[in-house]
Amino acid sequence: MGRALLEAAGATPGVVVSAALEAPSSPLLGRDAGELAASARGVAIGSDIAAACASDALIDFTRPAGTLAHVAACTVAGRAIVIGTTGFEPHEMDAIRAAATKIPIVLAPNFSIGVNVALKLVDLASRALGPDYDVEVFEMHHRLKVDAPSGTALKLGEVAAKARGTTLEKDGVFARHGVTGERKGGTVGFSVARAGDVIGDHTVFFAGAGERIEITHRSNSRATYAQGAIRAAKWLVGRAPGLYGMDDVLGIKG
């Protein structure tokens, strides 16, 4: 993802790469980021978060623990941060919300423009079709992904549930095995596959009597995520403190 972000930054007018971060144990430390993307030539890959916070905005696609460290550093420096990490625990989300009272943050499970349009379509379908249509969310990712369901799948299910006046905490079904009995009305089911190098497939099924609607998004390149994240960073700089989403960035909220 780091290479994709560097390339997207270089292709975006008005954006300059001023820092590139890696984990302290990374073999890339000290090397020129220009080896990964020409737009970052002259920028040494480092692990000093505080130094990186001299930038206008930090873009974070790591793991929850790393993200929280980056959020803390940005809060101290008064800098904006774009977060694409998923798999946060409730207390970690609380820490991000607390930081958002001091700095502007864009948090999204998926920065693809197409996925965010799909979220709007799911909201519309869920409201229009109502409880007579069962909702199932399917997602597939590469074998190296560590959290499941994906953050995007959870967001899709969350949107569908909210449109029907419920929550995933109440009506989400995340596992089926053995004799499960009949499907409970109003639930939102999830199915997960992990295999190969699949970048990300998501489908929301609305199944009713005699018909089925499928809203599908498939990612063929990580460049789509990177381009969305760069767009979010440009939009975020200069904003008031707050926790924003890609619907804010794209102007499709509401």
C-alpha atoms as a PDB file:
ATOM      1  CA  MET A   1       0.000   0.000   0.000  1.00  0.00           C
ATOM      2  CA  GLY A   2       2.909   2.325   0.706  1.00  0.00           C
ATOM      3  CA  ARG A   3       4.135   2.158  -2.883  1.00  0.00           C
ATOM      4  CA  ALA A   4       0.611   2.860  -4.185  1.00  0.00           C
ATOM      5  CA  LEU A   5       0.310   5.897  -1.913  1.00  0.00           C
ATOM      6  CA  LEU A   6       3.659   7.274  -3.069  1.00  0.00           C
ATOM      7  CA  GLU A   7       2.685   6.816  -6.711  1.00  0.00           C
ATOM      8  CA  ALA A   8      -0.746   8.407  -6.188  1.00  0.00           C
ATOM      9  CA  ALA A   9       0.816  11.361  -4.392  1.00  0.00           C
ATOM     10  CA  GLY A  10       3.198  11.919  -7.277  1.00  0.00           C
ATOM     11  CA  ALA A  11       0.311  11.894  -9.748  1.00  0.00           C
ATOM     12  CA  THR A  12      -1.755  14.435  -7.799  1.00  0.00           C
ATOM     13  CA  PRO A  13      -1.164  18.156  -8.406  1.00  0.00           C
ATOM     14  CA  GLY A  14      -0.428  20.102  -5.244  1.00  0.00           C
ATOM     15  CA  VAL A  15       0.730  17.068  -3.255  1.00  0.00           C
ATOM     16  CA  VAL A  16       4.351  16.614  -2.174  1.00  0.00           C
ATOM     17  CA  VAL A  17       5.728  13.625  -0.268  1.00  0.00           C
ATOM     18  CA  SER A  18       7.714  14.933   2.699  1.00  0.00           C
ATOM     19  CA  ALA A  19       8.072  11.760   4.769  1.00  0.00           C
ATOM     20  CA  ALA A  20       7.756   7.983   4.415  1.00  0.00           C
ATOM     21  CA  LEU A  21       7.340   5.771   7.471  1.00  0.00           C
ATOM     22  CA  GLU A  22       8.031   2.093   8.058  1.00  0.00           C
ATOM     23  CA  ALA A  23       8.121  -0.128  11.138  1.00  0.00           C
ATOM     24  CA  PRO A  24      11.368   0.095  13.167  1.00  0.00           C
ATOM     25  CA  SER A  25      12.241  -3.461  12.115  1.00  0.00           C
ATOM     26  CA  SER A  26      11.731  -2.878   8.392  1.00  0.00           C
ATOM     27  CA  PRO A  27      14.673  -3.593   6.066  1.00  0.00           C
ATOM     28  CA  LEU A  28      13.616  -0.525   4.057  1.00  0.00           C
ATOM     29  CA  LEU A  29      14.693   1.910   6.774  1.00  0.00           C
ATOM     30  CA  GLY A  30      17.227   4.434   5.545  1.00  0.00           C
ATOM     31  CA  ARG A  31      16.617   3.724   1.877  1.00  0.00           C
ATOM     32  CA  ASP A  32      15.404   6.365  -0.551  1.00  0.00           C
ATOM     33  CA  ALA A  33      11.631   6.196  -1.046  1.00  0.00           C
ATOM     34  CA  GLY A  34      12.358   7.073  -4.670  1.00  0.00           C
ATOM     35  CA  GLU A  35      13.249   3.405  -5.136  1.00  0.00           C
ATOM     36  CA  LEU A  36       9.540   2.684  -4.686  1.00  0.00           C
ATOM     37  CA  ALA A  37       8.142   5.704  -6.521  1.00  0.00           C
ATOM     38  CA  ALA A  38      10.032   8.393  -8.423  1.00  0.00           C
ATOM     39  CA  SER A  39       7.861  11.138  -6.890  1.00  0.00           C
ATOM     40  CA  ALA A  40       9.402  10.427  -3.483  1.00  0.00           C
ATOM     41  CA  ARG A  41      13.042  10.630  -4.572  1.00  0.00           C
ATOM     42  CA  GLY A  42      15.178  12.270  -1.893  1.00  0.00           C
ATOM     43  CA  VAL A  43      12.884  11.230   0.967  1.00  0.00           C
ATOM     44  CA  ALA A  44      14.542   8.752   3.316  1.00  0.00           C
ATOM     45  CA  ILE A  45      12.309   6.009   4.697  1.00  0.00           C
ATOM     46  CA  GLY A  46      12.280   6.355   8.483  1.00  0.00           C
ATOM     47  CA  SER A  47      10.398   5.392  11.633  1.00  0.00           C
ATOM     48  CA  ASP A  48      10.375   8.733  13.479  1.00  0.00           C
ATOM     49  CA  ILE A  49       6.675   9.556  13.745  1.00  0.00           C
ATOM     50  CA  ALA A  50       7.282  12.949  15.368  1.00  0.00           C
ATOM     51  CA  ALA A  51       9.522  14.033  12.492  1.00  0.00           C
ATOM     52  CA  ALA A  52       6.942  12.886   9.935  1.00  0.00           C
ATOM     53  CA  CYS A  53       4.352  15.078  11.649  1.00  0.00           C
ATOM     54  CA  ALA A  54       6.060  18.131  10.168  1.00  0.00           C
ATOM     55  CA  SER A  55       3.887  17.292   7.139  1.00  0.00           C
ATOM     56  CA  ASP A  56       0.449  18.853   6.703  1.00  0.00           C
ATOM     57  CA  ALA A  57      -1.237  15.460   6.909  1.00  0.00           C
ATOM     58  CA  LEU A  58      -0.268  11.884   7.674  1.00  0.00           C
ATOM     59  CA  ILE A  59      -1.845   8.942   5.811  1.00  0.00           C
ATOM     60  CA  ASP A  60      -1.992   5.749   7.848  1.00  0.00           C
ATOM     61  CA  PHE A  61      -2.595   2.222   6.521  1.00  0.00           C
ATOM     62  CA  THR A  62      -1.045   0.040   9.227  1.00  0.00           C
ATOM     63  CA  ARG A  63      -2.389  -1.971  12.179  1.00  0.00           C
ATOM     64  CA  PRO A  64      -4.463  -0.627  15.087  1.00  0.00           C
ATOM     65  CA  ALA A  65      -1.505  -0.286  17.477  1.00  0.00           C
ATOM     66  CA  GLY A  66       0.541   1.625  14.907  1.00  0.00           C
ATOM     67  CA  THR A  67      -2.422   3.811  14.003  1.00  0.00           C
ATOM     68  CA  LEU A  68      -2.995   4.830  17.619  1.00  0.00           C
ATOM     69  CA  ALA A  69       0.678   5.824  17.923  1.00  0.00           C
ATOM     70  CA  HIS A  70       0.355   7.915  14.766  1.00  0.00           C
ATOM     71  CA  VAL A  71      -2.870   9.520  16.015  1.00  0.00           C
ATOM     72  CA  ALA A  72      -1.171  10.438  19.295  1.00  0.00           C
ATOM     73  CA  ALA A  73       1.784  12.019  17.492  1.00  0.00           C
ATOM     74  CA  CYS A  74      -0.500  13.981  15.154  1.00  0.00           C
ATOM     75  CA  THR A  75      -2.520  15.200  18.134  1.00  0.00           C
ATOM     76  CA  VAL A  76       0.617  16.536  19.815  1.00  0.00           C
ATOM     77  CA  ALA A  77       1.745  18.187  16.572  1.00  0.00           C
ATOM     78  CA  GLY A  78      -1.707  19.491  15.676  1.00  0.00           C
ATOM     79  CA  ARG A  79      -1.677  17.735  12.294  1.00  0.00           C
ATOM     80  CA  ALA A  80      -4.414  16.060  10.267  1.00  0.00           C
ATOM     81  CA  ILE A  81      -4.468  12.303   9.757  1.00  0.00           C
ATOM     82  CA  VAL A  82      -6.180  10.028   7.252  1.00  0.00           C
ATOM     83  CA  ILE A  83      -6.811   6.514   8.600  1.00  0.00           C
ATOM     84  CA  GLY A  84      -7.384   3.482   6.390  1.00  0.00           C
ATOM     85  CA  THR A  85      -6.580   0.874   9.040  1.00  0.00           C
ATOM     86  CA  THR A  86      -9.370  -1.527  10.058  1.00  0.00           C
ATOM     87  CA  GLY A  87      -9.978  -3.982  12.894  1.00  0.00           C
ATOM     88  CA  PHE A  88     -10.176  -1.507  15.788  1.00  0.00           C
ATOM     89  CA  GLU A  89     -11.504  -2.589  19.181  1.00  0.00           C
ATOM     90  CA  PRO A  90     -14.156  -0.369  20.829  1.00  0.00           C
ATOM     91  CA  HIS A  91     -11.640   1.255  23.203  1.00  0.00           C
ATOM     92  CA  GLU A  92      -9.335   2.030  20.260  1.00  0.00           C
ATOM     93  CA  MET A  93     -12.192   3.743  18.445  1.00  0.00           C
ATOM     94  CA  ASP A  94     -12.826   5.758  21.618  1.00  0.00           C
ATOM     95  CA  ALA A  95      -9.231   6.986  21.498  1.00  0.00           C
ATOM     96  CA  ILE A  96      -9.640   8.066  17.876  1.00  0.00           C
ATOM     97  CA  ARG A  97     -12.884   9.902  18.655  1.00  0.00           C
ATOM     98  CA  ALA A  98     -11.175  11.677  21.538  1.00  0.00           C
ATOM     99  CA  ALA A  99      -8.325  12.765  19.250  1.00  0.00           C
ATOM    100  CA  ALA A 100     -10.851  14.051  16.721  1.00  0.00           C
ATOM    101  CA  THR A 101     -11.932  16.709  19.225  1.00  0.00           C
ATOM    102  CA  LYS A 102      -8.455  18.216  18.776  1.00  0.00           C
ATOM    103  CA  ILE A 103      -7.425  17.457  15.179  1.00  0.00           C
ATOM    104  CA  PRO A 104      -9.214  16.706  11.896  1.00  0.00           C
ATOM    105  CA  ILE A 105      -9.375  12.987  11.062  1.00  0.00           C
ATOM    106  CA  VAL A 106     -10.767  11.145   8.058  1.00  0.00           C
ATOM    107  CA  LEU A 107     -11.496   7.532   9.006  1.00  0.00           C
ATOM    108  CA  ALA A 108     -12.839   5.120   6.401  1.00  0.00           C
ATOM    109  CA  PRO A 109     -12.771   1.339   6.017  1.00  0.00           C
ATOM    110  CA  ASN A 110     -12.311   1.803   2.283  1.00  0.00           C
ATOM    111  CA  PHE A 111     -11.089   4.812   0.301  1.00  0.00           C
ATOM    112  CA  SER A 112     -12.237   3.586  -3.096  1.00  0.00           C
ATOM    113  CA  ILE A 113     -14.617   6.078  -4.683  1.00  0.00           C
ATOM    114  CA  GLY A 114     -16.629   3.157  -6.071  1.00  0.00           C
ATOM    115  CA  VAL A 115     -17.030   1.512  -2.672  1.00  0.00           C
ATOM    116  CA  ASN A 116     -18.311   4.728  -1.165  1.00  0.00           C
ATOM    117  CA  VAL A 117     -20.884   5.048  -3.942  1.00  0.00           C
ATOM    118  CA  ALA A 118     -21.833   1.404  -3.262  1.00  0.00           C
ATOM    119  CA  LEU A 119     -22.446   2.323   0.381  1.00  0.00           C
ATOM    120  CA  LYS A 120     -24.982   4.912  -0.762  1.00  0.00           C
ATOM    121  CA  LEU A 121     -26.664   2.347  -3.006  1.00  0.00           C
ATOM    122  CA  VAL A 122     -26.895  -0.111  -0.103  1.00  0.00           C
ATOM    123  CA  ASP A 123     -28.500   2.541   2.064  1.00  0.00           C
ATOM    124  CA  LEU A 124     -31.058   3.307  -0.644  1.00  0.00           C
ATOM    125  CA  ALA A 125     -31.838  -0.359  -1.314  1.00  0.00           C
ATOM    126  CA  SER A 126     -32.172  -1.211   2.367  1.00  0.00           C
ATOM    127  CA  ARG A 127     -34.598   1.651   2.990  1.00  0.00           C
ATOM    128  CA  ALA A 128     -36.667   0.946  -0.116  1.00  0.00           C
ATOM    129  CA  LEU A 129     -36.860  -2.849   0.114  1.00  0.00           C
ATOM    130  CA  GLY A 130     -37.560  -3.061   3.825  1.00  0.00           C
ATOM    131  CA  PRO A 131     -37.616  -6.103   6.112  1.00  0.00           C
ATOM    132  CA  ASP A 132     -39.178  -8.469   3.557  1.00  0.00           C
ATOM    133  CA  TYR A 133     -35.765  -8.769   1.899  1.00  0.00           C
ATOM    134  CA  ASP A 134     -32.986 -10.697   3.631  1.00  0.00           C
ATOM    135  CA  VAL A 135     -29.553  -9.048   3.690  1.00  0.00           C
ATOM    136  CA  GLU A 136     -26.310 -10.979   3.297  1.00  0.00           C
ATOM    137  CA  VAL A 137     -22.813  -9.481   2.961  1.00  0.00           C
ATOM    138  CA  PHE A 138     -20.088 -11.501   1.263  1.00  0.00           C
ATOM    139  CA  GLU A 139     -16.430 -10.487   1.054  1.00  0.00           C
ATOM    140  CA  MET A 140     -13.241 -12.045  -0.266  1.00  0.00           C
ATOM    141  CA  HIS A 141      -9.650 -10.903   0.247  1.00  0.00           C
ATOM    142  CA  HIS A 142      -6.105 -12.182  -0.172  1.00  0.00           C
ATOM    143  CA  ARG A 143      -4.709 -14.867   2.097  1.00  0.00           C
ATOM    144  CA  LEU A 144      -2.585 -12.391   4.105  1.00  0.00           C
ATOM    145  CA  LYS A 145      -5.471 -10.264   5.449  1.00  0.00           C
ATOM    146  CA  VAL A 146      -5.601 -10.678   9.234  1.00  0.00           C
ATOM    147  CA  ASP A 147      -9.060  -9.363  10.209  1.00  0.00           C
ATOM    148  CA  ALA A 148     -12.488 -10.680   9.246  1.00  0.00           C
ATOM    149  CA  PRO A 149     -15.001  -9.603   8.183  1.00  0.00           C
ATOM    150  CA  SER A 150     -13.224  -6.774   6.422  1.00  0.00           C
ATOM    151  CA  GLY A 151     -13.825  -3.231   7.577  1.00  0.00           C
ATOM    152  CA  THR A 152     -15.587  -2.542   4.291  1.00  0.00           C
ATOM    153  CA  ALA A 153     -17.929  -5.516   4.757  1.00  0.00           C
ATOM    154  CA  LEU A 154     -18.764  -4.378   8.265  1.00  0.00           C
ATOM    155  CA  LYS A 155     -19.478  -0.866   6.995  1.00  0.00           C
ATOM    156  CA  LEU A 156     -21.755  -2.214   4.273  1.00  0.00           C
ATOM    157  CA  GLY A 157     -23.650  -4.263   6.845  1.00  0.00           C
ATOM    158  CA  GLU A 158     -23.759  -1.342   9.258  1.00  0.00           C
ATOM    159  CA  VAL A 159     -25.289   0.894   6.587  1.00  0.00           C
ATOM    160  CA  ALA A 160     -27.906  -1.734   5.696  1.00  0.00           C
ATOM    161  CA  ALA A 161     -28.787  -2.286   9.350  1.00  0.00           C
ATOM    162  CA  LYS A 162     -28.993   1.405  10.203  1.00  0.00           C
ATOM    163  CA  ALA A 163     -31.331   2.025   7.258  1.00  0.00           C
ATOM    164  CA  ARG A 164     -33.682  -0.519   8.848  1.00  0.00           C
ATOM    165  CA  GLY A 165     -33.478   0.938  12.313  1.00  0.00           C
ATOM    166  CA  THR A 166     -31.219  -1.675  13.885  1.00  0.00           C
ATOM    167  CA  THR A 167     -27.518  -2.362  14.518  1.00  0.00           C
ATOM    168  CA  LEU A 168     -25.020  -5.115  13.823  1.00  0.00           C
ATOM    169  CA  GLU A 169     -24.561  -5.524  17.561  1.00  0.00           C
ATOM    170  CA  LYS A 170     -28.204  -6.553  17.768  1.00  0.00           C
ATOM    171  CA  ASP A 171     -28.866  -8.273  14.446  1.00  0.00           C
ATOM    172  CA  GLY A 172     -25.504  -9.142  12.873  1.00  0.00           C
ATOM    173  CA  VAL A 173     -24.842 -12.847  12.217  1.00  0.00           C
ATOM    174  CA  PHE A 174     -21.140 -13.592  11.840  1.00  0.00           C
ATOM    175  CA  ALA A 175     -20.985 -17.385  12.001  1.00  0.00           C
ATOM    176  CA  ARG A 176     -23.105 -20.328  10.892  1.00  0.00           C
ATOM    177  CA  HIS A 177     -22.197 -23.938  11.549  1.00  0.00           C
ATOM    178  CA  GLY A 178     -24.167 -27.085  12.098  1.00  0.00           C
ATOM    179  CA  VAL A 179     -27.910 -27.022  12.669  1.00  0.00           C
ATOM    180  CA  THR A 180     -28.550 -23.304  12.886  1.00  0.00           C
ATOM    181  CA  GLY A 181     -32.314 -23.334  12.481  1.00  0.00           C
ATOM    182  CA  GLU A 182     -34.246 -21.024  10.196  1.00  0.00           C
ATOM    183  CA  ARG A 183     -32.975 -17.573   9.464  1.00  0.00           C
ATOM    184  CA  LYS A 184     -34.173 -14.973  11.947  1.00  0.00           C
ATOM    185  CA  GLY A 185     -35.998 -12.113  10.248  1.00  0.00           C
ATOM    186  CA  GLY A 186     -34.245  -8.753  10.185  1.00  0.00           C
ATOM    187  CA  THR A 187     -30.734 -10.137  10.580  1.00  0.00           C
ATOM    188  CA  VAL A 188     -27.700  -9.155   8.492  1.00  0.00           C
ATOM    189  CA  GLY A 189     -25.488 -12.123   7.672  1.00  0.00           C
ATOM    190  CA  PHE A 190     -21.785 -12.151   6.810  1.00  0.00           C
ATOM    191  CA  SER A 191     -19.677 -14.598   4.805  1.00  0.00           C
ATOM    192  CA  VAL A 192     -15.895 -14.411   4.380  1.00  0.00           C
ATOM    193  CA  ALA A 193     -13.362 -15.971   2.011  1.00  0.00           C
ATOM    194  CA  ARG A 194      -9.563 -15.690   2.133  1.00  0.00           C
ATOM    195  CA  ALA A 195      -7.529 -16.943  -0.803  1.00  0.00           C
ATOM    196  CA  GLY A 196      -4.787 -16.073  -3.256  1.00  0.00           C
ATOM    197  CA  ASP A 197      -4.044 -12.442  -4.011  1.00  0.00           C
ATOM    198  CA  VAL A 198      -7.603 -11.083  -4.241  1.00  0.00           C
ATOM    199  CA  ILE A 199      -7.419  -7.361  -3.510  1.00  0.00           C
ATOM    200  CA  GLY A 200     -11.019  -7.039  -2.401  1.00  0.00           C
ATOM    201  CA  ASP A 201     -14.466  -8.228  -3.502  1.00  0.00           C
ATOM    202  CA  HIS A 202     -17.678  -7.207  -1.726  1.00  0.00           C
ATOM    203  CA  THR A 203     -21.292  -8.071  -2.513  1.00  0.00           C
ATOM    204  CA  VAL A 204     -24.442  -7.181  -0.602  1.00  0.00           C
ATOM    205  CA  PHE A 205     -27.388  -9.452  -1.418  1.00  0.00           C
ATOM    206  CA  PHE A 206     -30.986  -8.343  -0.923  1.00  0.00           C
ATOM    207  CA  ALA A 207     -33.027 -11.529  -1.361  1.00  0.00           C
ATOM    208  CA  GLY A 208     -36.825 -11.449  -1.448  1.00  0.00           C
ATOM    209  CA  ALA A 209     -39.596 -13.695  -2.676  1.00  0.00           C
ATOM    210  CA  GLY A 210     -38.892 -14.431  -6.332  1.00  0.00           C
ATOM    211  CA  GLU A 211     -36.062 -11.938  -6.850  1.00  0.00           C
ATOM    212  CA  ARG A 212     -32.616 -10.896  -5.673  1.00  0.00           C
ATOM    213  CA  ILE A 213     -30.662  -7.664  -5.936  1.00  0.00           C
ATOM    214  CA  GLU A 214     -26.858  -7.754  -5.750  1.00  0.00           C
ATOM    215  CA  ILE A 215     -24.700  -4.684  -5.200  1.00  0.00           C
ATOM    216  CA  THR A 216     -21.106  -5.645  -5.985  1.00  0.00           C
ATOM    217  CA  HIS A 217     -17.768  -3.882  -5.955  1.00  0.00           C
ATOM    218  CA  ARG A 218     -14.513  -5.510  -7.041  1.00  0.00           C
ATOM    219  CA  SER A 219     -11.091  -3.948  -6.668  1.00  0.00           C
ATOM    220  CA  ASN A 220      -8.517  -4.780  -9.316  1.00  0.00           C
ATOM    221  CA  SER A 221      -5.812  -2.428  -8.048  1.00  0.00           C
ATOM    222  CA  ARG A 222      -4.765  -0.881  -4.749  1.00  0.00           C
ATOM    223  CA  ALA A 223      -4.295   2.349  -6.683  1.00  0.00           C
ATOM    224  CA  THR A 224      -8.005   3.092  -6.213  1.00  0.00           C
ATOM    225  CA  TYR A 225      -7.577   3.100  -2.429  1.00  0.00           C
ATOM    226  CA  ALA A 226      -4.459   5.236  -2.629  1.00  0.00           C
ATOM    227  CA  GLN A 227      -6.058   7.800  -4.934  1.00  0.00           C
ATOM    228  CA  GLY A 228      -9.015   8.132  -2.562  1.00  0.00           C
ATOM    229  CA  ALA A 229      -6.716   8.522   0.447  1.00  0.00           C
ATOM    230  CA  ILE A 230      -4.711  11.278  -1.268  1.00  0.00           C
ATOM    231  CA  ARG A 231      -7.962  13.026  -2.167  1.00  0.00           C
ATOM    232  CA  ALA A 232      -9.040  12.780   1.469  1.00  0.00           C
ATOM    233  CA  ALA A 233      -5.729  14.231   2.694  1.00  0.00           C
ATOM    234  CA  LYS A 234      -6.018  17.226   0.372  1.00  0.00           C
ATOM    235  CA  TRP A 235      -9.591  17.826   1.514  1.00  0.00           C
ATOM    236  CA  LEU A 236      -8.721  17.441   5.204  1.00  0.00           C
ATOM    237  CA  VAL A 237      -5.915  19.991   5.486  1.00  0.00           C
ATOM    238  CA  GLY A 238      -7.239  23.178   7.068  1.00  0.00           C
ATOM    239  CA  ARG A 239     -10.488  21.591   8.301  1.00  0.00           C
ATOM    240  CA  ALA A 240     -11.787  22.031  11.811  1.00  0.00           C
ATOM    241  CA  PRO A 241     -11.183  19.191  14.283  1.00  0.00           C
ATOM    242  CA  GLY A 242     -13.648  16.379  13.812  1.00  0.00           C
ATOM    243  CA  LEU A 243     -14.113  12.781  12.723  1.00  0.00           C
ATOM    244  CA  TYR A 244     -14.952  12.762   9.017  1.00  0.00           C
ATOM    245  CA  GLY A 245     -15.745  10.022   6.503  1.00  0.00           C
ATOM    246  CA  MET A 246     -15.362   9.625   2.771  1.00  0.00           C
ATOM    247  CA  ASP A 247     -18.957  10.750   2.312  1.00  0.00           C
ATOM    248  CA  ASP A 248     -17.808  14.130   3.683  1.00  0.00           C
ATOM    249  CA  VAL A 249     -14.843  14.163   1.301  1.00  0.00           C
ATOM    250  CA  LEU A 250     -17.008  13.295  -1.701  1.00  0.00           C
ATOM    251  CA  GLY A 251     -19.867  15.587  -0.722  1.00  0.00           C
ATOM    252  CA  ILE A 252     -22.437  12.764  -0.670  1.00  0.00           C
ATOM    253  CA  LYS A 253     -23.279  12.744   3.023  1.00  0.00           C
ATOM    254  CA  GLY A 254     -26.915  12.775   4.054  1.00  0.00           C
END
